[in-house]
Amino acid sequence: MKAQHFFVAAATLVSVVAIAKGALMTVAEMGNGHGEHKHGKMEVPQGEAVPTVDLVVYKDAKKGWNLEAKVTNFTFAPEKVNAAPEPGEGHAHLFVNGKKITRLYGSWYYLENLEPGENRVKVTLNANNHADWTSKGKVIEDTEIVKFQEAVNKKHQHKHQGHN
């Protein structure tokens, strides 16, 4: 019973903080706690500039991919992670094929490995409290599809026979 009361109290506190900042986040949007990646949604307050993100994927010359999250009306604020949300600032979340990989505290990230075939690489802009920034109810995000086939090793392979 005490755990349920704690959850309600914590959810109420989060709701109060969100409302105090002029944005809306409901407890229902916070997820069900069963392995989903949900931190809720945070609507950009009316009158504030709406952030944008444009994800660009560059094949690295040696291995992997370099990702650039080009943002407008948004400042990466790693020093404020887990703090109260402020319009126009926060961090980003990086997903590959629906699985969260990491947080982004800046525009660039090196992604070493992807599975051969088609991969959905997505970046969302997130408030300091990890909620997805939204505008008109839509999450502020960008997704790129990266397709590649595993390179075939063309080096001549020798079969060595040992002498016993």
C-alpha atoms as a PDB file:
ATOM      1  CA  MET A   1       0.000   0.000   0.000  1.00  0.00           C
ATOM      2  CA  LYS A   2       2.757   2.470   0.869  1.00  0.00           C
ATOM      3  CA  ALA A   3       4.369   1.972  -2.557  1.00  0.00           C
ATOM      4  CA  GLN A   4       1.116   2.919  -4.271  1.00  0.00           C
ATOM      5  CA  HIS A   5       0.833   6.057  -2.175  1.00  0.00           C
ATOM      6  CA  PHE A   6       4.437   6.952  -2.985  1.00  0.00           C
ATOM      7  CA  PHE A   7       3.775   6.567  -6.748  1.00  0.00           C
ATOM      8  CA  VAL A   8       0.711   8.815  -6.547  1.00  0.00           C
ATOM      9  CA  ALA A   9       2.660  11.388  -4.527  1.00  0.00           C
ATOM     10  CA  ALA A  10       5.588  11.284  -6.959  1.00  0.00           C
ATOM     11  CA  ALA A  11       3.265  11.505  -9.969  1.00  0.00           C
ATOM     12  CA  THR A  12       1.445  14.429  -8.374  1.00  0.00           C
ATOM     13  CA  LEU A  13       4.768  16.196  -7.788  1.00  0.00           C
ATOM     14  CA  VAL A  14       5.775  15.682 -11.441  1.00  0.00           C
ATOM     15  CA  SER A  15       2.381  16.971 -12.587  1.00  0.00           C
ATOM     16  CA  VAL A  16       2.683  20.044 -10.351  1.00  0.00           C
ATOM     17  CA  VAL A  17       6.176  20.797 -11.702  1.00  0.00           C
ATOM     18  CA  ALA A  18       4.940  20.397 -15.295  1.00  0.00           C
ATOM     19  CA  ILE A  19       1.905  22.612 -14.762  1.00  0.00           C
ATOM     20  CA  ALA A  20       4.040  25.210 -12.980  1.00  0.00           C
ATOM     21  CA  LYS A  21       6.213  25.488 -16.092  1.00  0.00           C
ATOM     22  CA  GLY A  22       3.176  26.158 -18.304  1.00  0.00           C
ATOM     23  CA  ALA A  23       3.221  22.790 -20.048  1.00  0.00           C
ATOM     24  CA  LEU A  24       1.044  19.712 -19.793  1.00  0.00           C
ATOM     25  CA  MET A  25       2.131  16.204 -18.800  1.00  0.00           C
ATOM     26  CA  THR A  26      -0.365  13.669 -17.573  1.00  0.00           C
ATOM     27  CA  VAL A  27       0.343  10.684 -15.346  1.00  0.00           C
ATOM     28  CA  ALA A  28      -1.234   8.433 -18.011  1.00  0.00           C
ATOM     29  CA  GLU A  29       1.465   9.536 -20.463  1.00  0.00           C
ATOM     30  CA  MET A  30       4.229   8.445 -18.089  1.00  0.00           C
ATOM     31  CA  GLY A  31       4.036   4.784 -19.183  1.00  0.00           C
ATOM     32  CA  ASN A  32       3.125   1.597 -17.401  1.00  0.00           C
ATOM     33  CA  GLY A  33       6.551   0.702 -16.003  1.00  0.00           C
ATOM     34  CA  HIS A  34       6.707  -2.644 -17.836  1.00  0.00           C
ATOM     35  CA  GLY A  35       9.881  -2.095 -19.833  1.00  0.00           C
ATOM     36  CA  GLU A  36       8.463   0.610 -22.077  1.00  0.00           C
ATOM     37  CA  HIS A  37      10.574   3.666 -22.696  1.00  0.00           C
ATOM     38  CA  LYS A  38       8.125   6.340 -21.616  1.00  0.00           C
ATOM     39  CA  HIS A  39       8.913   9.507 -19.761  1.00  0.00           C
ATOM     40  CA  GLY A  40       5.760  11.318 -20.745  1.00  0.00           C
ATOM     41  CA  LYS A  41       5.227  14.195 -23.107  1.00  0.00           C
ATOM     42  CA  MET A  42       5.825  17.889 -22.637  1.00  0.00           C
ATOM     43  CA  GLU A  43       4.001  20.300 -24.951  1.00  0.00           C
ATOM     44  CA  VAL A  44       6.026  23.344 -25.985  1.00  0.00           C
ATOM     45  CA  PRO A  45       4.254  26.247 -24.230  1.00  0.00           C
ATOM     46  CA  GLN A  46       2.234  28.565 -26.445  1.00  0.00           C
ATOM     47  CA  GLY A  47       4.275  31.578 -27.488  1.00  0.00           C
ATOM     48  CA  GLU A  48       7.596  29.713 -27.246  1.00  0.00           C
ATOM     49  CA  ALA A  49       9.661  28.928 -30.343  1.00  0.00           C
ATOM     50  CA  VAL A  50       9.111  25.307 -31.397  1.00  0.00           C
ATOM     51  CA  PRO A  51      12.337  23.282 -31.510  1.00  0.00           C
ATOM     52  CA  THR A  52      13.163  21.124 -34.531  1.00  0.00           C
ATOM     53  CA  VAL A  53      15.588  18.276 -35.125  1.00  0.00           C
ATOM     54  CA  ASP A  54      16.997  17.028 -38.417  1.00  0.00           C
ATOM     55  CA  LEU A  55      18.934  13.772 -38.125  1.00  0.00           C
ATOM     56  CA  VAL A  56      21.701  13.286 -40.687  1.00  0.00           C
ATOM     57  CA  VAL A  57      23.554   9.968 -40.920  1.00  0.00           C
ATOM     58  CA  TYR A  58      27.034   9.878 -42.442  1.00  0.00           C
ATOM     59  CA  LYS A  59      28.848   6.609 -43.198  1.00  0.00           C
ATOM     60  CA  ASP A  60      32.177   6.731 -41.351  1.00  0.00           C
ATOM     61  CA  ALA A  61      35.223   6.264 -43.603  1.00  0.00           C
ATOM     62  CA  LYS A  62      36.570   3.430 -41.433  1.00  0.00           C
ATOM     63  CA  LYS A  63      33.656   1.819 -39.617  1.00  0.00           C
ATOM     64  CA  GLY A  64      30.176   2.685 -38.348  1.00  0.00           C
ATOM     65  CA  TRP A  65      28.172   5.873 -38.761  1.00  0.00           C
ATOM     66  CA  ASN A  66      28.439   9.459 -37.590  1.00  0.00           C
ATOM     67  CA  LEU A  67      25.102  10.938 -36.577  1.00  0.00           C
ATOM     68  CA  GLU A  68      24.392  14.648 -36.521  1.00  0.00           C
ATOM     69  CA  ALA A  69      21.269  15.955 -34.797  1.00  0.00           C
ATOM     70  CA  LYS A  70      20.832  19.428 -36.311  1.00  0.00           C
ATOM     71  CA  VAL A  71      18.576  21.398 -33.969  1.00  0.00           C
ATOM     72  CA  THR A  72      16.887  24.779 -34.068  1.00  0.00           C
ATOM     73  CA  ASN A  73      15.303  26.660 -31.152  1.00  0.00           C
ATOM     74  CA  PHE A  74      16.914  24.098 -28.820  1.00  0.00           C
ATOM     75  CA  THR A  75      19.951  24.078 -26.543  1.00  0.00           C
ATOM     76  CA  PHE A  76      21.555  20.913 -25.221  1.00  0.00           C
ATOM     77  CA  ALA A  77      21.735  21.344 -21.429  1.00  0.00           C
ATOM     78  CA  PRO A  78      23.433  18.262 -19.937  1.00  0.00           C
ATOM     79  CA  GLU A  79      24.108  20.116 -16.700  1.00  0.00           C
ATOM     80  CA  LYS A  80      20.329  20.307 -16.132  1.00  0.00           C
ATOM     81  CA  VAL A  81      19.436  16.647 -16.758  1.00  0.00           C
ATOM     82  CA  ASN A  82      16.776  15.431 -14.295  1.00  0.00           C
ATOM     83  CA  ALA A  83      15.894  19.028 -13.392  1.00  0.00           C
ATOM     84  CA  ALA A  84      12.627  20.847 -14.045  1.00  0.00           C
ATOM     85  CA  PRO A  85      11.831  21.352 -17.736  1.00  0.00           C
ATOM     86  CA  GLU A  86      12.601  24.691 -19.375  1.00  0.00           C
ATOM     87  CA  PRO A  87      11.313  25.524 -22.874  1.00  0.00           C
ATOM     88  CA  GLY A  88      13.915  25.178 -25.611  1.00  0.00           C
ATOM     89  CA  GLU A  89      16.430  23.095 -23.705  1.00  0.00           C
ATOM     90  CA  GLY A  90      17.183  19.544 -22.653  1.00  0.00           C
ATOM     91  CA  HIS A  91      18.837  16.585 -24.352  1.00  0.00           C
ATOM     92  CA  ALA A  92      17.942  14.006 -27.001  1.00  0.00           C
ATOM     93  CA  HIS A  93      17.284  10.269 -26.939  1.00  0.00           C
ATOM     94  CA  LEU A  94      18.723   8.006 -29.639  1.00  0.00           C
ATOM     95  CA  PHE A  95      16.828   4.886 -30.721  1.00  0.00           C
ATOM     96  CA  VAL A  96      17.771   2.148 -33.184  1.00  0.00           C
ATOM     97  CA  ASN A  97      14.944  -0.094 -34.354  1.00  0.00           C
ATOM     98  CA  GLY A  98      12.749   1.051 -31.463  1.00  0.00           C
ATOM     99  CA  LYS A  99      15.343   0.382 -28.739  1.00  0.00           C
ATOM    100  CA  LYS A 100      16.790   3.285 -26.777  1.00  0.00           C
ATOM    101  CA  ILE A 101      20.568   3.344 -27.229  1.00  0.00           C
ATOM    102  CA  THR A 102      21.617   6.421 -25.256  1.00  0.00           C
ATOM    103  CA  ARG A 103      21.036  10.054 -24.377  1.00  0.00           C
ATOM    104  CA  LEU A 104      22.617  12.734 -26.545  1.00  0.00           C
ATOM    105  CA  TYR A 105      24.046  15.788 -24.805  1.00  0.00           C
ATOM    106  CA  GLY A 106      25.289  17.337 -28.041  1.00  0.00           C
ATOM    107  CA  SER A 107      24.699  17.253 -31.777  1.00  0.00           C
ATOM    108  CA  TRP A 108      27.164  14.494 -32.743  1.00  0.00           C
ATOM    109  CA  TYR A 109      27.296  10.791 -31.912  1.00  0.00           C
ATOM    110  CA  TYR A 110      29.351   7.901 -33.291  1.00  0.00           C
ATOM    111  CA  LEU A 111      27.314   4.732 -33.804  1.00  0.00           C
ATOM    112  CA  GLU A 112      29.648   1.788 -34.280  1.00  0.00           C
ATOM    113  CA  ASN A 113      27.320  -1.086 -35.101  1.00  0.00           C
ATOM    114  CA  LEU A 114      24.064  -1.638 -36.941  1.00  0.00           C
ATOM    115  CA  GLU A 115      22.490  -4.895 -38.033  1.00  0.00           C
ATOM    116  CA  PRO A 116      22.770  -5.709 -41.760  1.00  0.00           C
ATOM    117  CA  GLY A 117      19.588  -4.781 -43.612  1.00  0.00           C
ATOM    118  CA  GLU A 118      17.247  -1.908 -42.802  1.00  0.00           C
ATOM    119  CA  ASN A 119      17.650   0.069 -39.556  1.00  0.00           C
ATOM    120  CA  ARG A 120      15.407   2.833 -38.212  1.00  0.00           C
ATOM    121  CA  VAL A 121      17.566   5.432 -36.439  1.00  0.00           C
ATOM    122  CA  LYS A 122      15.489   7.965 -34.500  1.00  0.00           C
ATOM    123  CA  VAL A 123      16.264  10.993 -32.347  1.00  0.00           C
ATOM    124  CA  THR A 124      13.724  12.662 -30.058  1.00  0.00           C
ATOM    125  CA  LEU A 125      14.163  16.015 -28.340  1.00  0.00           C
ATOM    126  CA  ASN A 126      13.604  15.705 -24.620  1.00  0.00           C
ATOM    127  CA  ALA A 127      13.068  18.069 -21.731  1.00  0.00           C
ATOM    128  CA  ASN A 128      15.411  18.099 -18.738  1.00  0.00           C
ATOM    129  CA  ASN A 129      13.039  15.657 -17.003  1.00  0.00           C
ATOM    130  CA  HIS A 130      13.271  13.255 -20.027  1.00  0.00           C
ATOM    131  CA  ALA A 131       9.742  13.932 -21.305  1.00  0.00           C
ATOM    132  CA  ASP A 132       9.440  14.046 -25.092  1.00  0.00           C
ATOM    133  CA  TRP A 133       9.006  17.617 -26.308  1.00  0.00           C
ATOM    134  CA  THR A 134       5.847  17.854 -28.412  1.00  0.00           C
ATOM    135  CA  SER A 135       4.270  20.477 -30.624  1.00  0.00           C
ATOM    136  CA  LYS A 136       0.541  20.277 -31.359  1.00  0.00           C
ATOM    137  CA  GLY A 137       0.568  16.826 -29.787  1.00  0.00           C
ATOM    138  CA  LYS A 138       3.319  15.420 -32.026  1.00  0.00           C
ATOM    139  CA  VAL A 139       6.672  14.325 -30.635  1.00  0.00           C
ATOM    140  CA  ILE A 140       9.562  16.441 -31.936  1.00  0.00           C
ATOM    141  CA  GLU A 141      11.710  13.790 -33.596  1.00  0.00           C
ATOM    142  CA  ASP A 142      13.381  12.714 -36.799  1.00  0.00           C
ATOM    143  CA  THR A 143      13.966   9.230 -38.189  1.00  0.00           C
ATOM    144  CA  GLU A 144      16.361   8.042 -40.869  1.00  0.00           C
ATOM    145  CA  ILE A 145      16.427   4.621 -42.485  1.00  0.00           C
ATOM    146  CA  VAL A 146      19.942   3.187 -42.832  1.00  0.00           C
ATOM    147  CA  LYS A 147      20.251   0.241 -45.204  1.00  0.00           C
ATOM    148  CA  PHE A 148      23.424  -1.727 -45.707  1.00  0.00           C
ATOM    149  CA  GLN A 149      24.635  -5.215 -46.398  1.00  0.00           C
ATOM    150  CA  GLU A 150      27.482  -6.769 -44.481  1.00  0.00           C
ATOM    151  CA  ALA A 151      30.706  -6.613 -46.470  1.00  0.00           C
ATOM    152  CA  VAL A 152      32.005  -9.937 -47.686  1.00  0.00           C
ATOM    153  CA  ASN A 153      35.556 -10.643 -46.579  1.00  0.00           C
ATOM    154  CA  LYS A 154      37.397 -10.917 -49.899  1.00  0.00           C
ATOM    155  CA  LYS A 155      40.802 -11.699 -48.429  1.00  0.00           C
ATOM    156  CA  HIS A 156      42.207 -15.041 -49.512  1.00  0.00           C
ATOM    157  CA  GLN A 157      41.870 -17.462 -46.639  1.00  0.00           C
ATOM    158  CA  HIS A 158      44.466 -20.213 -46.146  1.00  0.00           C
ATOM    159  CA  LYS A 159      43.806 -23.466 -44.424  1.00  0.00           C
ATOM    160  CA  HIS A 160      46.862 -24.246 -42.381  1.00  0.00           C
ATOM    161  CA  GLN A 161      47.810 -27.846 -41.737  1.00  0.00           C
ATOM    162  CA  GLY A 162      50.036 -28.461 -38.787  1.00  0.00           C
ATOM    163  CA  HIS A 163      52.761 -31.097 -38.641  1.00  0.00           C
ATOM    164  CA  ASN A 164      52.514 -33.580 -35.767  1.00  0.00           C
END
